[in-house]
Amino acid sequence: EETEELSHQRAQREELERLNQVLEEEKRKFEEVVLELKSEQEQIKLDMDSTALSLKSVEREKEELSCLTVNLQ
């Protein structure tokens, strides 16, 4: 009976080790996705900052053209 118990414990330990490996792999994949998302988020932020600067530049040019138009009238 003791060997049966030991055999059962060994089987449980092996199953726990297998599950642990599966969890480690899932954790690694999850961390990879997190890094990809952070990278995408940073790129989106840079794109938005660039767009904001472009919009400010267009707004300035619009004001300058408006002033020129008023001066020409």
PDB file of N, CA and C in Angstrom:
ATOM      1  N   GLU A   1       0.825  -1.204   0.000  1.00  0.00           N
ATOM      2  CA  GLU A   1       0.000   0.000   0.000  1.00  0.00           C
ATOM      3  C   GLU A   1       0.865   1.261   0.000  1.00  0.00           C
ATOM      4  N   GLU A   2       1.979   1.212   0.706  1.00  0.00           N
ATOM      5  CA  GLU A   2       2.856   2.384   0.755  1.00  0.00           C
ATOM      6  C   GLU A   2       3.422   2.692  -0.631  1.00  0.00           C
ATOM      7  N   THR A   3       3.799   1.667  -1.372  1.00  0.00           N
ATOM      8  CA  THR A   3       4.319   1.908  -2.724  1.00  0.00           C
ATOM      9  C   THR A   3       3.226   2.456  -3.629  1.00  0.00           C
ATOM     10  N   GLU A   4       1.992   2.021  -3.401  1.00  0.00           N
ATOM     11  CA  GLU A   4       0.876   2.565  -4.181  1.00  0.00           C
ATOM     12  C   GLU A   4       0.705   4.054  -3.874  1.00  0.00           C
ATOM     13  N   GLU A   5       0.828   4.404  -2.595  1.00  0.00           N
ATOM     14  CA  GLU A   5       0.739   5.814  -2.179  1.00  0.00           C
ATOM     15  C   GLU A   5       1.891   6.615  -2.780  1.00  0.00           C
ATOM     16  N   LEU A   6       3.105   6.057  -2.720  1.00  0.00           N
ATOM     17  CA  LEU A   6       4.266   6.743  -3.303  1.00  0.00           C
ATOM     18  C   LEU A   6       4.093   6.913  -4.807  1.00  0.00           C
ATOM     19  N   SER A   7       3.583   5.886  -5.449  1.00  0.00           N
ATOM     20  CA  SER A   7       3.341   5.947  -6.890  1.00  0.00           C
ATOM     21  C   SER A   7       2.314   7.037  -7.207  1.00  0.00           C
ATOM     22  N   HIS A   8       1.279   7.117  -6.395  1.00  0.00           N
ATOM     23  CA  HIS A   8       0.247   8.141  -6.568  1.00  0.00           C
ATOM     24  C   HIS A   8       0.840   9.543  -6.367  1.00  0.00           C
ATOM     25  N   GLN A   9       1.676   9.690  -5.331  1.00  0.00           N
ATOM     26  CA  GLN A   9       2.319  10.986  -5.065  1.00  0.00           C
ATOM     27  C   GLN A   9       3.239  11.375  -6.219  1.00  0.00           C
ATOM     28  N   ARG A  10       3.986  10.399  -6.742  1.00  0.00           N
ATOM     29  CA  ARG A  10       4.892  10.680  -7.857  1.00  0.00           C
ATOM     30  C   ARG A  10       4.086  11.129  -9.085  1.00  0.00           C
ATOM     31  N   ALA A  11       2.969  10.447  -9.336  1.00  0.00           N
ATOM     32  CA  ALA A  11       2.113  10.817 -10.466  1.00  0.00           C
ATOM     33  C   ALA A  11       1.561  12.230 -10.280  1.00  0.00           C
ATOM     34  N   GLN A  12       1.163  12.549  -9.059  1.00  0.00           N
ATOM     35  CA  GLN A  12       0.664  13.903  -8.776  1.00  0.00           C
ATOM     36  C   GLN A  12       1.759  14.940  -8.990  1.00  0.00           C
ATOM     37  N   ARG A  13       2.968  14.636  -8.505  1.00  0.00           N
ATOM     38  CA  ARG A  13       4.089  15.562  -8.649  1.00  0.00           C
ATOM     39  C   ARG A  13       4.411  15.780 -10.134  1.00  0.00           C
ATOM     40  N   GLU A  14       4.410  14.699 -10.899  1.00  0.00           N
ATOM     41  CA  GLU A  14       4.685  14.815 -12.334  1.00  0.00           C
ATOM     42  C   GLU A  14       3.626  15.660 -13.033  1.00  0.00           C
ATOM     43  N   GLU A  15       2.377  15.467 -12.639  1.00  0.00           N
ATOM     44  CA  GLU A  15       1.295  16.261 -13.224  1.00  0.00           C
ATOM     45  C   GLU A  15       1.439  17.732 -12.836  1.00  0.00           C
ATOM     46  N   LEU A  16       1.799  17.997 -11.588  1.00  0.00           N
ATOM     47  CA  LEU A  16       2.021  19.384 -11.153  1.00  0.00           C
ATOM     48  C   LEU A  16       3.183  20.015 -11.913  1.00  0.00           C
ATOM     49  N   GLU A  17       4.238  19.265 -12.130  1.00  0.00           N
ATOM     50  CA  GLU A  17       5.381  19.782 -12.888  1.00  0.00           C
ATOM     51  C   GLU A  17       4.981  20.081 -14.330  1.00  0.00           C
ATOM     52  N   ARG A  18       4.168  19.197 -14.910  1.00  0.00           N
ATOM     53  CA  ARG A  18       3.705  19.414 -16.281  1.00  0.00           C
ATOM     54  C   ARG A  18       2.835  20.679 -16.351  1.00  0.00           C
ATOM     55  N   LEU A  19       1.923  20.804 -15.392  1.00  0.00           N
ATOM     56  CA  LEU A  19       1.066  21.991 -15.357  1.00  0.00           C
ATOM     57  C   LEU A  19       1.887  23.257 -15.143  1.00  0.00           C
ATOM     58  N   ASN A  20       2.912  23.155 -14.317  1.00  0.00           N
ATOM     59  CA  ASN A  20       3.782  24.300 -14.069  1.00  0.00           C
ATOM     60  C   ASN A  20       4.485  24.725 -15.358  1.00  0.00           C
ATOM     61  N   GLN A  21       4.936  23.753 -16.142  1.00  0.00           N
ATOM     62  CA  GLN A  21       5.581  24.070 -17.419  1.00  0.00           C
ATOM     63  C   GLN A  21       4.600  24.745 -18.373  1.00  0.00           C
ATOM     64  N   VAL A  22       3.366  24.232 -18.396  1.00  0.00           N
ATOM     65  CA  VAL A  22       2.337  24.841 -19.246  1.00  0.00           C
ATOM     66  C   VAL A  22       2.090  26.284 -18.808  1.00  0.00           C
ATOM     67  N   LEU A  23       1.977  26.496 -17.493  1.00  0.00           N
ATOM     68  CA  LEU A  23       1.751  27.850 -16.977  1.00  0.00           C
ATOM     69  C   LEU A  23       2.920  28.777 -17.287  1.00  0.00           C
ATOM     70  N   GLU A  24       4.134  28.271 -17.169  1.00  0.00           N
ATOM     71  CA  GLU A  24       5.316  29.083 -17.488  1.00  0.00           C
ATOM     72  C   GLU A  24       5.305  29.504 -18.954  1.00  0.00           C
ATOM     73  N   GLU A  25       4.933  28.584 -19.828  1.00  0.00           N
ATOM     74  CA  GLU A  25       4.863  28.897 -21.258  1.00  0.00           C
ATOM     75  C   GLU A  25       3.772  29.933 -21.531  1.00  0.00           C
ATOM     76  N   GLU A  26       2.620  29.773 -20.885  1.00  0.00           N
ATOM     77  CA  GLU A  26       1.540  30.750 -21.048  1.00  0.00           C
ATOM     78  C   GLU A  26       1.962  32.119 -20.511  1.00  0.00           C
ATOM     79  N   LYS A  27       2.665  32.122 -19.397  1.00  0.00           N
ATOM     80  CA  LYS A  27       3.160  33.375 -18.817  1.00  0.00           C
ATOM     81  C   LYS A  27       4.128  34.051 -19.785  1.00  0.00           C
ATOM     82  N   ARG A  28       5.015  33.269 -20.394  1.00  0.00           N
ATOM     83  CA  ARG A  28       5.981  33.813 -21.348  1.00  0.00           C
ATOM     84  C   ARG A  28       5.255  34.431 -22.549  1.00  0.00           C
ATOM     85  N   LYS A  29       4.253  33.720 -23.058  1.00  0.00           N
ATOM     86  CA  LYS A  29       3.482  34.245 -24.195  1.00  0.00           C
ATOM     87  C   LYS A  29       2.759  35.529 -23.806  1.00  0.00           C
ATOM     88  N   PHE A  30       2.181  35.539 -22.608  1.00  0.00           N
ATOM     89  CA  PHE A  30       1.459  36.712 -22.123  1.00  0.00           C
ATOM     90  C   PHE A  30       2.399  37.911 -22.017  1.00  0.00           C
ATOM     91  N   GLU A  31       3.596  37.684 -21.452  1.00  0.00           N
ATOM     92  CA  GLU A  31       4.569  38.771 -21.315  1.00  0.00           C
ATOM     93  C   GLU A  31       5.009  39.279 -22.684  1.00  0.00           C
ATOM     94  N   GLU A  32       5.107  38.378 -23.654  1.00  0.00           N
ATOM     95  CA  GLU A  32       5.464  38.768 -25.015  1.00  0.00           C
ATOM     96  C   GLU A  32       4.386  39.686 -25.602  1.00  0.00           C
ATOM     97  N   VAL A  33       3.126  39.313 -25.396  1.00  0.00           N
ATOM     98  CA  VAL A  33       2.014  40.126 -25.893  1.00  0.00           C
ATOM     99  C   VAL A  33       2.014  41.493 -25.211  1.00  0.00           C
ATOM    100  N   VAL A  34       2.281  41.520 -23.912  1.00  0.00           N
ATOM    101  CA  VAL A  34       2.330  42.789 -23.174  1.00  0.00           C
ATOM    102  C   VAL A  34       3.405  43.699 -23.767  1.00  0.00           C
ATOM    103  N   LEU A  35       4.582  43.133 -24.056  1.00  0.00           N
ATOM    104  CA  LEU A  35       5.656  43.932 -24.646  1.00  0.00           C
ATOM    105  C   LEU A  35       5.260  44.464 -26.021  1.00  0.00           C
ATOM    106  N   GLU A  36       4.609  43.622 -26.824  1.00  0.00           N
ATOM    107  CA  GLU A  36       4.156  44.070 -28.143  1.00  0.00           C
ATOM    108  C   GLU A  36       3.143  45.200 -28.016  1.00  0.00           C
ATOM    109  N   LEU A  37       2.217  45.064 -27.067  1.00  0.00           N
ATOM    110  CA  LEU A  37       1.206  46.103 -26.870  1.00  0.00           C
ATOM    111  C   LEU A  37       1.832  47.410 -26.390  1.00  0.00           C
ATOM    112  N   LYS A  38       2.817  47.312 -25.501  1.00  0.00           N
ATOM    113  CA  LYS A  38       3.505  48.523 -25.035  1.00  0.00           C
ATOM    114  C   LYS A  38       4.211  49.209 -26.198  1.00  0.00           C
ATOM    115  N   SER A  39       4.827  48.420 -27.057  1.00  0.00           N
ATOM    116  CA  SER A  39       5.513  48.967 -28.222  1.00  0.00           C
ATOM    117  C   SER A  39       4.515  49.660 -29.155  1.00  0.00           C
ATOM    118  N   GLU A  40       3.383  49.002 -29.407  1.00  0.00           N
ATOM    119  CA  GLU A  40       2.346  49.605 -30.250  1.00  0.00           C
ATOM    120  C   GLU A  40       1.807  50.879 -29.618  1.00  0.00           C
ATOM    121  N   GLN A  41       1.613  50.860 -28.306  1.00  0.00           N
ATOM    122  CA  GLN A  41       1.110  52.038 -27.603  1.00  0.00           C
ATOM    123  C   GLN A  41       2.086  53.205 -27.761  1.00  0.00           C
ATOM    124  N   GLU A  42       3.377  52.923 -27.628  1.00  0.00           N
ATOM    125  CA  GLU A  42       4.390  53.968 -27.773  1.00  0.00           C
ATOM    126  C   GLU A  42       4.384  54.526 -29.198  1.00  0.00           C
ATOM    127  N   GLN A  43       4.241  53.642 -30.195  1.00  0.00           N
ATOM    128  CA  GLN A  43       4.204  54.095 -31.585  1.00  0.00           C
ATOM    129  C   GLN A  43       2.972  54.958 -31.836  1.00  0.00           C
ATOM    130  N   ILE A  44       1.834  54.556 -31.283  1.00  0.00           N
ATOM    131  CA  ILE A  44       0.609  55.350 -31.433  1.00  0.00           C
ATOM    132  C   ILE A  44       0.788  56.719 -30.786  1.00  0.00           C
ATOM    133  N   LYS A  45       1.423  56.753 -29.610  1.00  0.00           N
ATOM    134  CA  LYS A  45       1.665  58.030 -28.927  1.00  0.00           C
ATOM    135  C   LYS A  45       2.551  58.935 -29.784  1.00  0.00           C
ATOM    136  N   LEU A  46       3.615  58.353 -30.364  1.00  0.00           N
ATOM    137  CA  LEU A  46       4.497  59.138 -31.223  1.00  0.00           C
ATOM    138  C   LEU A  46       3.739  59.659 -32.445  1.00  0.00           C
ATOM    139  N   ASP A  47       2.902  58.809 -33.036  1.00  0.00           N
ATOM    140  CA  ASP A  47       2.104  59.230 -34.194  1.00  0.00           C
ATOM    141  C   ASP A  47       1.145  60.353 -33.817  1.00  0.00           C
ATOM    142  N   MET A  48       0.523  60.231 -32.648  1.00  0.00           N
ATOM    143  CA  MET A  48      -0.416  61.268 -32.209  1.00  0.00           C
ATOM    144  C   MET A  48       0.311  62.585 -31.937  1.00  0.00           C
ATOM    145  N   ASP A  49       1.489  62.500 -31.319  1.00  0.00           N
ATOM    146  CA  ASP A  49       2.277  63.712 -31.068  1.00  0.00           C
ATOM    147  C   ASP A  49       2.653  64.385 -32.386  1.00  0.00           C
ATOM    148  N   SER A  50       3.054  63.574 -33.359  1.00  0.00           N
ATOM    149  CA  SER A  50       3.422  64.102 -34.671  1.00  0.00           C
ATOM    150  C   SER A  50       2.215  64.755 -35.345  1.00  0.00           C
ATOM    151  N   THR A  51       1.070  64.116 -35.248  1.00  0.00           N
ATOM    152  CA  THR A  51      -0.158  64.663 -35.831  1.00  0.00           C
ATOM    153  C   THR A  51      -0.532  65.979 -35.152  1.00  0.00           C
ATOM    154  N   ALA A  52      -0.383  66.036 -33.841  1.00  0.00           N
ATOM    155  CA  ALA A  52      -0.703  67.263 -33.102  1.00  0.00           C
ATOM    156  C   ALA A  52       0.207  68.406 -33.554  1.00  0.00           C
ATOM    157  N   LEU A  53       1.502  68.104 -33.735  1.00  0.00           N
ATOM    158  CA  LEU A  53       2.427  69.136 -34.213  1.00  0.00           C
ATOM    159  C   LEU A  53       2.050  69.599 -35.615  1.00  0.00           C
ATOM    160  N   SER A  54       1.679  68.663 -36.467  1.00  0.00           N
ATOM    161  CA  SER A  54       1.270  69.011 -37.830  1.00  0.00           C
ATOM    162  C   SER A  54       0.026  69.889 -37.809  1.00  0.00           C
ATOM    163  N   LEU A  55      -0.923  69.547 -36.953  1.00  0.00           N
ATOM    164  CA  LEU A  55      -2.144  70.351 -36.855  1.00  0.00           C
ATOM    165  C   LEU A  55      -1.838  71.769 -36.380  1.00  0.00           C
ATOM    166  N   LYS A  56      -0.931  71.891 -35.406  1.00  0.00           N
ATOM    167  CA  LYS A  56      -0.542  73.225 -34.933  1.00  0.00           C
ATOM    168  C   LYS A  56       0.107  74.020 -36.058  1.00  0.00           C
ATOM    169  N   SER A  57       0.946  73.355 -36.832  1.00  0.00           N
ATOM    170  CA  SER A  57       1.614  74.014 -37.952  1.00  0.00           C
ATOM    171  C   SER A  57       0.591  74.479 -38.987  1.00  0.00           C
ATOM    172  N   VAL A  58      -0.367  73.633 -39.314  1.00  0.00           N
ATOM    173  CA  VAL A  58      -1.419  73.994 -40.271  1.00  0.00           C
ATOM    174  C   VAL A  58      -2.234  75.163 -39.727  1.00  0.00           C
ATOM    175  N   GLU A  59      -2.524  75.140 -38.441  1.00  0.00           N
ATOM    176  CA  GLU A  59      -3.292  76.225 -37.822  1.00  0.00           C
ATOM    177  C   GLU A  59      -2.523  77.546 -37.916  1.00  0.00           C
ATOM    178  N   ARG A  60      -1.202  77.492 -37.667  1.00  0.00           N
ATOM    179  CA  ARG A  60      -0.373  78.700 -37.789  1.00  0.00           C
ATOM    180  C   ARG A  60      -0.386  79.230 -39.224  1.00  0.00           C
ATOM    181  N   GLU A  61      -0.222  78.328 -40.183  1.00  0.00           N
ATOM    182  CA  GLU A  61      -0.229  78.742 -41.588  1.00  0.00           C
ATOM    183  C   GLU A  61      -1.579  79.343 -41.964  1.00  0.00           C
ATOM    184  N   LYS A  62      -2.648  78.765 -41.446  1.00  0.00           N
ATOM    185  CA  LYS A  62      -3.994  79.278 -41.713  1.00  0.00           C
ATOM    186  C   LYS A  62      -4.129  80.704 -41.176  1.00  0.00           C
ATOM    187  N   GLU A  63      -3.618  80.931 -39.954  1.00  0.00           N
ATOM    188  CA  GLU A  63      -3.671  82.276 -39.368  1.00  0.00           C
ATOM    189  C   GLU A  63      -2.845  83.260 -40.196  1.00  0.00           C
ATOM    190  N   GLU A  64      -1.651  82.812 -40.634  1.00  0.00           N
ATOM    191  CA  GLU A  64      -0.799  83.678 -41.453  1.00  0.00           C
ATOM    192  C   GLU A  64      -1.491  84.033 -42.765  1.00  0.00           C
ATOM    193  N   LEU A  65      -2.110  83.043 -43.406  1.00  0.00           N
ATOM    194  CA  LEU A  65      -2.831  83.301 -44.652  1.00  0.00           C
ATOM    195  C   LEU A  65      -4.007  84.238 -44.415  1.00  0.00           C
ATOM    196  N   SER A  66      -4.673  84.062 -43.293  1.00  0.00           N
ATOM    197  CA  SER A  66      -5.800  84.932 -42.962  1.00  0.00           C
ATOM    198  C   SER A  66      -5.320  86.374 -42.794  1.00  0.00           C
ATOM    199  N   CYS A  67      -4.190  86.539 -42.104  1.00  0.00           N
ATOM    200  CA  CYS A  67      -3.624  87.882 -41.913  1.00  0.00           C
ATOM    201  C   CYS A  67      -3.212  88.488 -43.256  1.00  0.00           C
ATOM    202  N   LEU A  68      -2.579  87.685 -44.103  1.00  0.00           N
ATOM    203  CA  LEU A  68      -2.179  88.168 -45.430  1.00  0.00           C
ATOM    204  C   LEU A  68      -3.397  88.588 -46.241  1.00  0.00           C
ATOM    205  N   THR A  69      -4.451  87.798 -46.167  1.00  0.00           N
ATOM    206  CA  THR A  69      -5.676  88.104 -46.906  1.00  0.00           C
ATOM    207  C   THR A  69      -6.257  89.432 -46.432  1.00  0.00           C
ATOM    208  N   VAL A  70      -6.275  89.637 -45.124  1.00  0.00           N
ATOM    209  CA  VAL A  70      -6.797  90.889 -44.563  1.00  0.00           C
ATOM    210  C   VAL A  70      -5.921  92.054 -45.018  1.00  0.00           C
ATOM    211  N   ASN A  71      -4.601  91.871 -45.009  1.00  0.00           N
ATOM    212  CA  ASN A  71      -3.681  92.938 -45.411  1.00  0.00           C
ATOM    213  C   ASN A  71      -3.813  93.273 -46.892  1.00  0.00           C
ATOM    214  N   LEU A  72      -4.127  92.287 -47.706  1.00  0.00           N
ATOM    215  CA  LEU A  72      -4.250  92.516 -49.143  1.00  0.00           C
ATOM    216  C   LEU A  72      -5.555  93.207 -49.514  1.00  0.00           C
ATOM    217  N   GLN A  73      -6.529  93.161 -48.633  1.00  0.00           N
ATOM    218  CA  GLN A  73      -7.826  93.777 -48.957  1.00  0.00           C
ATOM    219  C   GLN A  73      -7.803  95.272 -48.774  1.00  0.00           C
TER     220      GLN A  73
END
